[in-house]
N, C-alpha and C. Protein backbone atom coordinates (compact mmCIF):
# COMPACT_ATOMS: atom_id res chain seq x y z
N UNK A 1 -0.41 13.77 -0.53
CA UNK A 1 -0.33 13.12 -1.14
C UNK A 1 -1.05 12.02 0.49
N UNK A 2 -1.04 13.22 0.85
CA UNK A 2 -1.26 13.49 2.41
C UNK A 2 -2.88 12.86 2.70
N UNK A 3 -3.74 12.71 1.18
CA UNK A 3 -5.00 12.34 1.28
C UNK A 3 -5.24 10.64 1.50
N UNK A 4 -4.22 10.09 1.31
CA UNK A 4 -4.00 8.44 1.46
C UNK A 4 -3.51 8.03 2.02
N UNK A 5 -3.22 9.61 3.50
CA UNK A 5 -2.16 8.78 4.65
C UNK A 5 -3.72 8.98 5.77
N UNK A 6 -3.59 8.51 7.37
CA UNK A 6 -4.57 7.88 7.95
C UNK A 6 -3.82 7.69 8.65
N UNK A 7 -3.39 7.91 10.01
CA UNK A 7 -2.87 8.20 11.45
C UNK A 7 -4.27 7.83 11.92
N UNK A 8 -3.46 6.79 13.55
CA UNK A 8 -4.53 6.04 13.64
C UNK A 8 -3.80 5.90 15.29
N UNK A 9 -4.08 5.10 16.16
CA UNK A 9 -3.59 4.37 17.32
C UNK A 9 -2.56 3.70 16.72
N UNK A 10 -2.85 2.22 16.29
CA UNK A 10 -2.27 0.83 15.46
C UNK A 10 -1.07 1.46 14.47
N UNK A 11 -1.23 2.37 13.75
CA UNK A 11 0.41 2.98 13.49
C UNK A 11 -0.76 4.21 11.87
N UNK A 12 -0.53 3.32 10.61
CA UNK A 12 -1.14 4.53 9.50
C UNK A 12 -1.43 3.68 8.28
N UNK A 13 -3.61 3.55 8.18
CA UNK A 13 -3.83 3.40 7.08
C UNK A 13 -3.06 4.22 5.49
N UNK A 14 -2.93 3.15 4.67
CA UNK A 14 -2.44 3.95 3.62
C UNK A 14 -3.57 2.98 2.63
N UNK A 15 -4.56 4.39 1.69
CA UNK A 15 -5.20 3.58 0.69
C UNK A 15 -4.95 3.73 -0.40
N UNK A 16 -4.43 2.79 -0.99
CA UNK A 16 -4.25 1.62 -2.43
C UNK A 16 -4.91 1.85 -3.27
N UNK A 17 -4.52 2.74 -4.55
CA UNK A 17 -4.99 2.38 -5.90
C UNK A 17 -4.26 1.13 -6.95
N UNK A 18 -3.83 -0.10 -6.88
CA UNK A 18 -3.80 -1.59 -7.11
C UNK A 18 -4.50 -1.16 -8.90
N UNK A 19 -2.96 -1.64 -9.97
CA UNK A 19 -2.86 -1.86 -10.82
C UNK A 19 -2.01 -3.25 -11.16
N UNK A 20 -2.67 -4.26 -10.96
CA UNK A 20 -2.52 -5.72 -11.75
C UNK A 20 -1.39 -6.25 -12.62
N UNK A 21 -1.08 -7.17 -12.86
CA UNK A 21 -0.02 -7.08 -14.25
C UNK A 21 0.85 -6.17 -14.77
N UNK A 22 1.75 -6.18 -13.88
CA UNK A 22 2.56 -4.41 -14.54
C UNK A 22 3.58 -5.65 -15.25
N UNK A 23 4.29 -4.44 -16.01
CA UNK A 23 5.46 -5.00 -16.17
C UNK A 23 6.98 -4.33 -15.09
N UNK A 24 6.37 -3.77 -13.66
CA UNK A 24 7.38 -3.76 -13.13
C UNK A 24 6.46 -2.81 -11.79
N UNK A 25 6.99 -3.73 -10.60
CA UNK A 25 6.46 -3.32 -8.90
C UNK A 25 6.50 -1.77 -8.91
N UNK A 26 5.75 -0.29 -8.84
CA UNK A 26 6.53 0.57 -8.93
C UNK A 26 5.15 1.76 -7.73
N UNK A 27 5.35 2.54 -7.73
CA UNK A 27 4.50 3.89 -7.24
C UNK A 27 4.38 4.94 -8.61
N UNK A 28 3.75 5.00 -9.01
CA UNK A 28 3.43 6.00 -9.93
C UNK A 28 2.33 7.59 -9.82
N UNK A 29 2.63 8.23 -8.42
CA UNK A 29 1.50 8.63 -8.06
C UNK A 29 0.67 8.92 -7.70
N UNK A 30 -0.61 9.84 -7.71
CA UNK A 30 -1.62 9.61 -6.99
C UNK A 30 -3.03 9.06 -7.79
N UNK A 31 -4.16 8.21 -7.80
CA UNK A 31 -5.70 7.61 -8.56
C UNK A 31 -6.86 8.08 -6.98
N UNK A 32 -7.08 10.06 -7.34
CA UNK A 32 -7.90 10.24 -6.71
C UNK A 32 -7.95 11.04 -5.45
N UNK A 33 -7.08 10.10 -4.10
CA UNK A 33 -7.18 9.80 -2.97
C UNK A 33 -6.41 8.38 -2.46
N UNK A 34 -5.75 8.00 -3.17
CA UNK A 34 -5.58 7.02 -2.71
C UNK A 34 -3.74 7.23 -3.84
N UNK A 35 -3.02 5.67 -3.13
CA UNK A 35 -1.44 6.21 -3.72
C UNK A 35 -1.80 4.95 -4.78
N UNK A 36 -1.37 5.48 -6.00
CA UNK A 36 -1.57 4.43 -6.99
C UNK A 36 0.04 3.61 -7.13
N UNK A 37 -1.04 2.16 -7.08
CA UNK A 37 0.24 1.54 -7.44
C UNK A 37 0.34 0.54 -8.27
N UNK A 38 1.40 -0.19 -8.66
CA UNK A 38 1.38 -0.89 -10.70
C UNK A 38 2.46 -2.64 -9.58
N UNK A 39 1.63 -3.28 -9.55
CA UNK A 39 2.41 -4.77 -9.14
C UNK A 39 2.24 -5.17 -10.54
N UNK A 40 3.49 -6.68 -10.96
CA UNK A 40 3.55 -7.47 -11.57
C UNK A 40 2.74 -8.65 -11.25
N UNK A 41 2.16 -8.74 -9.69
CA UNK A 41 1.22 -9.85 -10.06
C UNK A 41 0.29 -9.98 -10.81
N UNK A 42 -0.70 -10.80 -10.36
CA UNK A 42 -2.14 -11.29 -11.80
C UNK A 42 -2.88 -10.71 -10.50
N UNK A 43 -4.16 -10.96 -10.14
CA UNK A 43 -5.48 -10.05 -9.33
C UNK A 43 -6.03 -11.86 -9.50
N UNK A 44 -5.54 -12.91 -9.12
CA UNK A 44 -5.63 -14.51 -8.66
C UNK A 44 -5.08 -14.84 -7.68
N UNK A 45 -6.49 -14.67 -6.26
CA UNK A 45 -6.37 -15.46 -5.29
C UNK A 45 -4.82 -15.21 -4.46
N UNK A 46 -5.59 -13.87 -4.53
CA UNK A 46 -4.87 -13.15 -3.42
C UNK A 46 -2.91 -12.86 -3.45
N UNK A 47 -2.12 -13.26 -5.12
CA UNK A 47 -1.35 -12.57 -5.38
C UNK A 47 -1.29 -11.66 -4.99
N UNK A 48 -1.96 -9.98 -6.05
CA UNK A 48 -1.74 -9.00 -5.43
C UNK A 48 -1.82 -8.16 -4.32
N UNK A 49 -2.40 -8.81 -3.34
CA UNK A 49 -2.50 -8.35 -2.67
C UNK A 49 -1.53 -9.02 -1.81
N UNK A 50 -1.34 -10.48 -1.41
CA UNK A 50 0.42 -10.45 -0.72
C UNK A 50 1.46 -9.83 -1.50
N UNK A 51 1.64 -9.14 -2.73
CA UNK A 51 2.42 -8.72 -3.12
C UNK A 51 2.56 -7.47 -3.02
N UNK A 52 0.87 -6.75 -3.39
CA UNK A 52 1.16 -5.22 -2.54
C UNK A 52 1.02 -5.16 -0.77
N UNK A 53 1.60 -6.82 0.01
CA UNK A 53 2.05 -5.75 1.05
C UNK A 53 3.35 -6.55 1.63
N UNK A 54 3.76 -6.78 0.29
CA UNK A 54 5.44 -7.32 0.34
C UNK A 54 6.05 -6.07 -0.05
N UNK A 55 5.53 -5.45 -1.14
CA UNK A 55 5.92 -3.84 -1.95
C UNK A 55 5.22 -3.22 -0.62
N UNK A 56 5.23 -2.81 -0.53
CA UNK A 56 4.98 -1.73 0.95
C UNK A 56 5.72 -2.10 1.70
N UNK A 57 5.60 -3.28 2.62
CA UNK A 57 7.28 -3.13 3.44
C UNK A 57 8.19 -2.93 3.59
N UNK A 58 8.79 -3.70 2.19
CA UNK A 58 9.91 -2.71 1.51
C UNK A 58 10.04 -1.74 1.42
N UNK A 59 9.08 -1.34 0.50
CA UNK A 59 9.26 0.45 0.40
C UNK A 59 9.30 1.21 1.19
N UNK A 60 8.69 0.64 2.68
CA UNK A 60 8.88 2.39 3.85
C UNK A 60 9.37 1.87 5.19
N UNK A 61 10.61 0.02 4.40
CA UNK A 61 11.27 -0.25 5.58
C UNK A 61 10.90 -1.49 6.76
N UNK A 62 9.63 -1.92 7.13
CA UNK A 62 8.92 -1.85 7.74
C UNK A 62 9.04 -3.83 8.47
N UNK A 63 9.27 -4.45 8.28
CA UNK A 63 8.41 -5.83 8.51
C UNK A 63 7.93 -6.53 8.39
N UNK A 64 7.61 -7.55 6.87
CA UNK A 64 5.87 -7.76 6.14
C UNK A 64 4.96 -7.94 7.37
N UNK A 65 5.10 -8.52 7.90
CA UNK A 65 4.67 -8.22 9.69
C UNK A 65 3.05 -7.54 10.02
N UNK A 66 4.35 -6.20 9.93
CA UNK A 66 3.31 -4.59 10.18
C UNK A 66 2.63 -4.87 9.08
N UNK A 67 2.42 -4.79 7.53
CA UNK A 67 1.32 -4.75 7.37
C UNK A 67 0.22 -5.35 7.16
N UNK A 68 -1.13 -4.06 6.37
CA UNK A 68 -1.86 -5.57 7.10
C UNK A 68 -2.68 -5.09 6.34
N UNK A 69 -3.47 -6.29 5.47
CA UNK A 69 -4.89 -6.16 3.69
C UNK A 69 -5.94 -5.31 5.15
N UNK A 70 -6.50 -4.58 5.71
CA UNK A 70 -7.60 -3.44 6.43
C UNK A 70 -9.28 -3.99 5.46
N UNK A 71 -8.94 -3.10 4.27
CA UNK A 71 -10.21 -3.50 3.51
C UNK A 71 -10.00 -3.35 1.82
N UNK A 72 -10.62 -4.06 0.58
CA UNK A 72 -10.41 -4.32 -0.26
C UNK A 72 -10.24 -5.39 -0.88
N UNK A 73 -10.50 -6.49 -0.36
CA UNK A 73 -9.09 -7.81 -0.22
C UNK A 73 -9.78 -8.16 -2.04
N UNK A 74 -11.36 -8.04 -2.69
CA UNK A 74 -11.37 -8.36 -3.71
C UNK A 74 -11.70 -6.85 -4.75
N UNK A 75 -10.55 -5.84 -4.40
CA UNK A 75 -11.21 -4.34 -5.11
C UNK A 75 -9.78 -4.02 -5.42
N UNK A 76 -9.61 -3.44 -6.28
CA UNK A 76 -8.25 -2.63 -7.12
C UNK A 76 -8.29 -1.22 -6.00
N UNK A 77 -9.15 -0.71 -4.81
CA UNK A 77 -9.53 -0.15 -4.38
C UNK A 77 -8.67 -0.59 -2.59
N UNK A 78 -8.04 -0.82 -2.29
CA UNK A 78 -7.47 -1.69 -0.69
C UNK A 78 -7.12 -0.03 0.46
N UNK A 79 -7.51 -0.85 1.53
CA UNK A 79 -6.42 0.80 2.30
C UNK A 79 -5.82 -1.08 3.57
N UNK A 80 -4.29 -0.40 3.86
CA UNK A 80 -2.95 -1.43 4.49
C UNK A 80 -3.15 0.11 5.57
N UNK A 81 -3.48 -1.38 7.31
CA UNK A 81 -2.59 -1.02 7.73
C UNK A 81 -0.94 -1.16 8.33
N UNK A 82 -0.32 -0.03 8.51
CA UNK A 82 1.07 0.06 8.59
C UNK A 82 1.95 0.32 9.61
N UNK A 83 1.53 -0.53 10.65
CA UNK A 83 1.86 -1.17 12.29
C UNK A 83 3.68 -0.14 12.33
N UNK A 84 3.74 0.30 13.78
CA UNK A 84 4.79 0.81 14.12
C UNK A 84 6.07 2.28 12.84
N UNK A 85 4.98 2.70 12.41
CA UNK A 85 5.19 4.18 11.32
C UNK A 85 4.70 4.52 12.24
N UNK A 86 4.76 6.82 11.72
CA UNK A 86 3.66 7.85 11.90
C UNK A 86 3.17 8.22 10.24
N UNK A 87 2.45 8.77 10.36
CA UNK A 87 2.36 9.28 9.06
C UNK A 87 3.37 10.43 8.11
N UNK A 88 3.95 10.68 9.04
CA UNK A 88 5.30 11.89 8.68
C UNK A 88 6.45 11.45 8.00
N UNK A 89 6.53 9.88 8.08
CA UNK A 89 7.86 9.10 8.12
C UNK A 89 7.10 8.19 6.63
N UNK A 90 5.92 7.82 6.90
CA UNK A 90 5.72 7.97 6.06
C UNK A 90 5.08 8.43 4.60
N UNK A 91 4.82 9.79 4.73
CA UNK A 91 5.44 10.57 3.60
C UNK A 91 6.79 11.01 3.34
N UNK A 92 7.76 10.49 3.90
CA UNK A 92 9.15 10.83 3.68
C UNK A 92 9.64 10.22 2.93
N UNK A 93 9.03 8.45 3.46
CA UNK A 93 9.86 7.60 2.45
C UNK A 93 9.35 7.28 0.99
N UNK A 94 7.85 7.38 0.95
CA UNK A 94 6.96 7.96 -0.42
C UNK A 94 7.27 8.68 -1.52
N UNK A 95 8.08 9.62 -0.99
CA UNK A 95 8.77 10.64 -1.79
C UNK A 95 9.22 10.19 -2.95
């Protein structure tokens, strides 16, 4: 899972592979070098991006405003910046 995390001065960038329209929101392991996340939201008009931000914020116990989509707006492969945490804390909370 460490390959999915990149520590920066602002926080941690998490590489995520999103599977939209799932039966529930959950982390299901790794997809290459990215965290594989299933989301209930459809990939329409940014709904999956919004749900991904909300889900990771809840999972990592940070405010939604501290989770920002860095890249992958229209892709299943996304990179999200999590502010206010370090890679070790993210790794522990994702276990």
